[in-house]
C-alpha atoms as a PDB file:
ATOM      1  CA  MET A   1     -47.150  69.490  43.003  1.00  0.00           C
ATOM      2  CA  GLU A   2     -44.891  67.531  40.730  1.00  0.00           C
ATOM      3  CA  PHE A   3     -43.620  68.603  37.359  1.00  0.00           C
ATOM      4  CA  CYS A   4     -42.672  66.650  34.255  1.00  0.00           C
ATOM      5  CA  PRO A   5     -38.920  66.412  33.926  1.00  0.00           C
ATOM      6  CA  THR A   6     -39.300  66.218  30.059  1.00  0.00           C
ATOM      7  CA  CYS A   7     -41.370  69.341  29.393  1.00  0.00           C
ATOM      8  CA  GLY A   8     -42.061  71.119  32.730  1.00  0.00           C
ATOM      9  CA  ASN A   9     -45.758  70.975  32.697  1.00  0.00           C
ATOM     10  CA  LEU A  10     -47.679  70.240  35.889  1.00  0.00           C
ATOM     11  CA  LEU A  11     -48.355  66.526  36.332  1.00  0.00           C
ATOM     12  CA  ARG A  12     -51.795  65.142  36.831  1.00  0.00           C
ATOM     13  CA  TYR A  13     -52.720  62.594  39.392  1.00  0.00           C
ATOM     14  CA  GLU A  14     -54.573  59.387  38.733  1.00  0.00           C
ATOM     15  CA  GLY A  15     -55.565  57.368  41.814  1.00  0.00           C
ATOM     16  CA  GLY A  16     -56.878  53.907  41.897  1.00  0.00           C
ATOM     17  CA  GLY A  17     -55.048  50.571  42.048  1.00  0.00           C
ATOM     18  CA  ASN A  18     -51.976  51.881  40.097  1.00  0.00           C
ATOM     19  CA  SER A  19     -51.757  55.329  41.358  1.00  0.00           C
ATOM     20  CA  ARG A  20     -49.564  57.443  39.124  1.00  0.00           C
ATOM     21  CA  PHE A  21     -48.608  61.121  38.007  1.00  0.00           C
ATOM     22  CA  PHE A  22     -48.899  61.613  34.140  1.00  0.00           C
ATOM     23  CA  CYS A  23     -47.981  64.448  31.835  1.00  0.00           C
ATOM     24  CA  SER A  24     -50.940  65.693  29.647  1.00  0.00           C
ATOM     25  CA  THR A  25     -48.588  66.803  26.961  1.00  0.00           C
ATOM     26  CA  CYS A  26     -46.037  64.124  26.649  1.00  0.00           C
ATOM     27  CA  PRO A  27     -45.916  60.481  27.314  1.00  0.00           C
ATOM     28  CA  TYR A  28     -44.081  60.866  30.694  1.00  0.00           C
ATOM     29  CA  VAL A  29     -45.602  58.577  33.631  1.00  0.00           C
ATOM     30  CA  ALA A  30     -44.480  58.101  37.217  1.00  0.00           C
ATOM     31  CA  TYR A  31     -46.092  55.360  39.183  1.00  0.00           C
ATOM     32  CA  ILE A  32     -46.371  55.854  42.954  1.00  0.00           C
ATOM     33  CA  GLU A  33     -45.028  52.695  44.529  1.00  0.00           C
ATOM     34  CA  ARG A  34     -45.615  53.353  48.217  1.00  0.00           C
ATOM     35  CA  GLN A  35     -47.757  55.553  50.566  1.00  0.00           C
ATOM     36  CA  VAL A  36     -46.207  58.265  52.797  1.00  0.00           C
ATOM     37  CA  GLU A  37     -46.001  57.035  56.311  1.00  0.00           C
ATOM     38  CA  ILE A  38     -46.308  59.252  59.384  1.00  0.00           C
ATOM     39  CA  LYS A  39     -43.500  58.469  61.625  1.00  0.00           C
ATOM     40  CA  LYS A  40     -43.795  60.742  64.380  1.00  0.00           C
ATOM     41  CA  LYS A  41     -46.756  62.897  65.660  1.00  0.00           C
ATOM     42  CA  GLN A  42     -46.382  66.168  67.554  1.00  0.00           C
ATOM     43  CA  LEU A  43     -48.810  67.485  69.883  1.00  0.00           C
ATOM     44  CA  LEU A  44     -49.594  71.296  69.331  1.00  0.00           C
ATOM     45  CA  VAL A  45     -49.262  73.460  72.329  1.00  0.00           C
ATOM     46  CA  LYS A  46     -51.327  76.618  72.534  1.00  0.00           C
ATOM     47  CA  LYS A  47     -49.378  79.825  73.321  1.00  0.00           C
ATOM     48  CA  ALA A  48     -50.217  81.877  76.301  1.00  0.00           C
ATOM     49  CA  ILE A  49     -52.169  85.041  75.379  1.00  0.00           C
ATOM     50  CA  GLU A  50     -50.377  88.132  76.410  1.00  0.00           C
ATOM     51  CA  PRO A  51     -52.582  91.193  77.051  1.00  0.00           C
ATOM     52  CA  VAL A  52     -52.111  94.251  75.085  1.00  0.00           C
ATOM     53  CA  VAL A  53     -52.546  96.447  78.013  1.00  0.00           C
ATOM     54  CA  SER A  54     -51.651  95.240  81.494  1.00  0.00           C
ATOM     55  CA  LYS A  55     -53.344  96.130  84.835  1.00  0.00           C
ATOM     56  CA  GLU A  56     -50.546  98.448  85.669  1.00  0.00           C
ATOM     57  CA  ASP A  57     -51.156 100.521  82.339  1.00  0.00           C
ATOM     58  CA  ILE A  58     -54.748 101.566  82.740  1.00  0.00           C
ATOM     59  CA  PRO A  59     -54.962 102.817  86.334  1.00  0.00           C
ATOM     60  CA  THR A  60     -52.372 105.570  85.503  1.00  0.00           C
ATOM     61  CA  ALA A  61     -54.495 106.649  82.554  1.00  0.00           C
ATOM     62  CA  ALA A  62     -57.131 109.315  82.320  1.00  0.00           C
ATOM     63  CA  GLU A  63     -60.540 109.105  83.927  1.00  0.00           C
ATOM     64  CA  THR A  64     -63.747 109.323  81.740  1.00  0.00           C
ATOM     65  CA  GLU A  65     -67.574 108.711  81.827  1.00  0.00           C
ATOM     66  CA  ALA A  66     -67.996 105.252  80.142  1.00  0.00           C
ATOM     67  CA  PRO A  67     -70.582 102.673  81.417  1.00  0.00           C
ATOM     68  CA  CYS A  68     -69.155  99.556  82.415  1.00  0.00           C
ATOM     69  CA  PRO A  69     -70.705  96.453  80.654  1.00  0.00           C
ATOM     70  CA  ARG A  70     -70.455  94.157  83.761  1.00  0.00           C
ATOM     71  CA  CYS A  71     -71.536  96.224  86.701  1.00  0.00           C
ATOM     72  CA  GLY A  72     -72.957  99.436  84.984  1.00  0.00           C
ATOM     73  CA  HIS A  73     -70.759 101.836  86.990  1.00  0.00           C
ATOM     74  CA  ASP A  74     -70.408 105.020  84.885  1.00  0.00           C
ATOM     75  CA  LYS A  75     -66.788 105.950  85.448  1.00  0.00           C
ATOM     76  CA  ALA A  76     -63.654 104.213  83.981  1.00  0.00           C
ATOM     77  CA  TYR A  77     -60.017 104.804  83.185  1.00  0.00           C
ATOM     78  CA  PHE A  78     -58.971 104.713  79.460  1.00  0.00           C
ATOM     79  CA  LYS A  79     -56.054 104.499  77.332  1.00  0.00           C
ATOM     80  CA  SER A  80     -55.895 104.786  73.528  1.00  0.00           C
ATOM     81  CA  MET A  81     -53.446 102.672  71.509  1.00  0.00           C
ATOM     82  CA  GLN A  82     -52.775 101.935  67.779  1.00  0.00           C
ATOM     83  CA  ILE A  83     -52.534  98.089  67.807  1.00  0.00           C
ATOM     84  CA  ARG A  84     -53.448  97.445  64.175  1.00  0.00           C
ATOM     85  CA  SER A  85     -52.097  99.064  60.954  1.00  0.00           C
ATOM     86  CA  ALA A  86     -51.869 102.783  60.597  1.00  0.00           C
ATOM     87  CA  ASP A  87     -54.909 103.188  58.286  1.00  0.00           C
ATOM     88  CA  GLU A  88     -57.200 101.571  60.980  1.00  0.00           C
ATOM     89  CA  PRO A  89     -58.692 103.546  63.758  1.00  0.00           C
ATOM     90  CA  GLU A  90     -57.041 103.377  67.263  1.00  0.00           C
ATOM     91  CA  SER A  91     -58.398 101.272  70.018  1.00  0.00           C
ATOM     92  CA  ARG A  92     -59.601 102.457  73.414  1.00  0.00           C
ATOM     93  CA  PHE A  93     -59.151 100.367  76.411  1.00  0.00           C
ATOM     94  CA  TYR A  94     -61.224 100.879  79.509  1.00  0.00           C
ATOM     95  CA  ARG A  95     -61.160  99.643  83.126  1.00  0.00           C
ATOM     96  CA  CYS A  96     -63.909 100.230  85.374  1.00  0.00           C
ATOM     97  CA  LEU A  97     -63.306 102.003  88.704  1.00  0.00           C
ATOM     98  CA  LYS A  98     -65.657  99.826  90.611  1.00  0.00           C
ATOM     99  CA  CYS A  99     -65.178  96.146  89.708  1.00  0.00           C
ATOM    100  CA  GLU A 100     -61.884  96.649  87.659  1.00  0.00           C
ATOM    101  CA  PHE A 101     -63.392  94.950  84.454  1.00  0.00           C
ATOM    102  CA  THR A 102     -61.292  95.735  81.381  1.00  0.00           C
ATOM    103  CA  TRP A 103     -62.932  96.087  77.876  1.00  0.00           C
ATOM    104  CA  ARG A 104     -62.052  97.545  74.533  1.00  0.00           C
ATOM    105  CA  GLU A 105     -63.877  99.904  72.057  1.00  0.00           C
ATOM    106  CA  GLU A 106     -62.585 100.228  68.418  1.00  0.00           C
END
């Protein structure tokens, strides 16, 4: 965004052969003489995802009856945590006793 140095209003853009910014209130006009060049490109690198609950946390937790979505076993360890804002419900993390699959219920 560019603003008019004379009256402070937002300048409007007009493209075409003579690209320019102009003020709709006063006679100010700023011609665009050259295009922006990208000098250096930078590759974005994905960050590694850190688990909220590690493998070491859940096996020390309480045991409950919860069907595993992967193998169907009916027992799992669970741990409850508040991972979002305080007005949201807590999340429960489960780990199957048989296949060690971990899932989350909110």
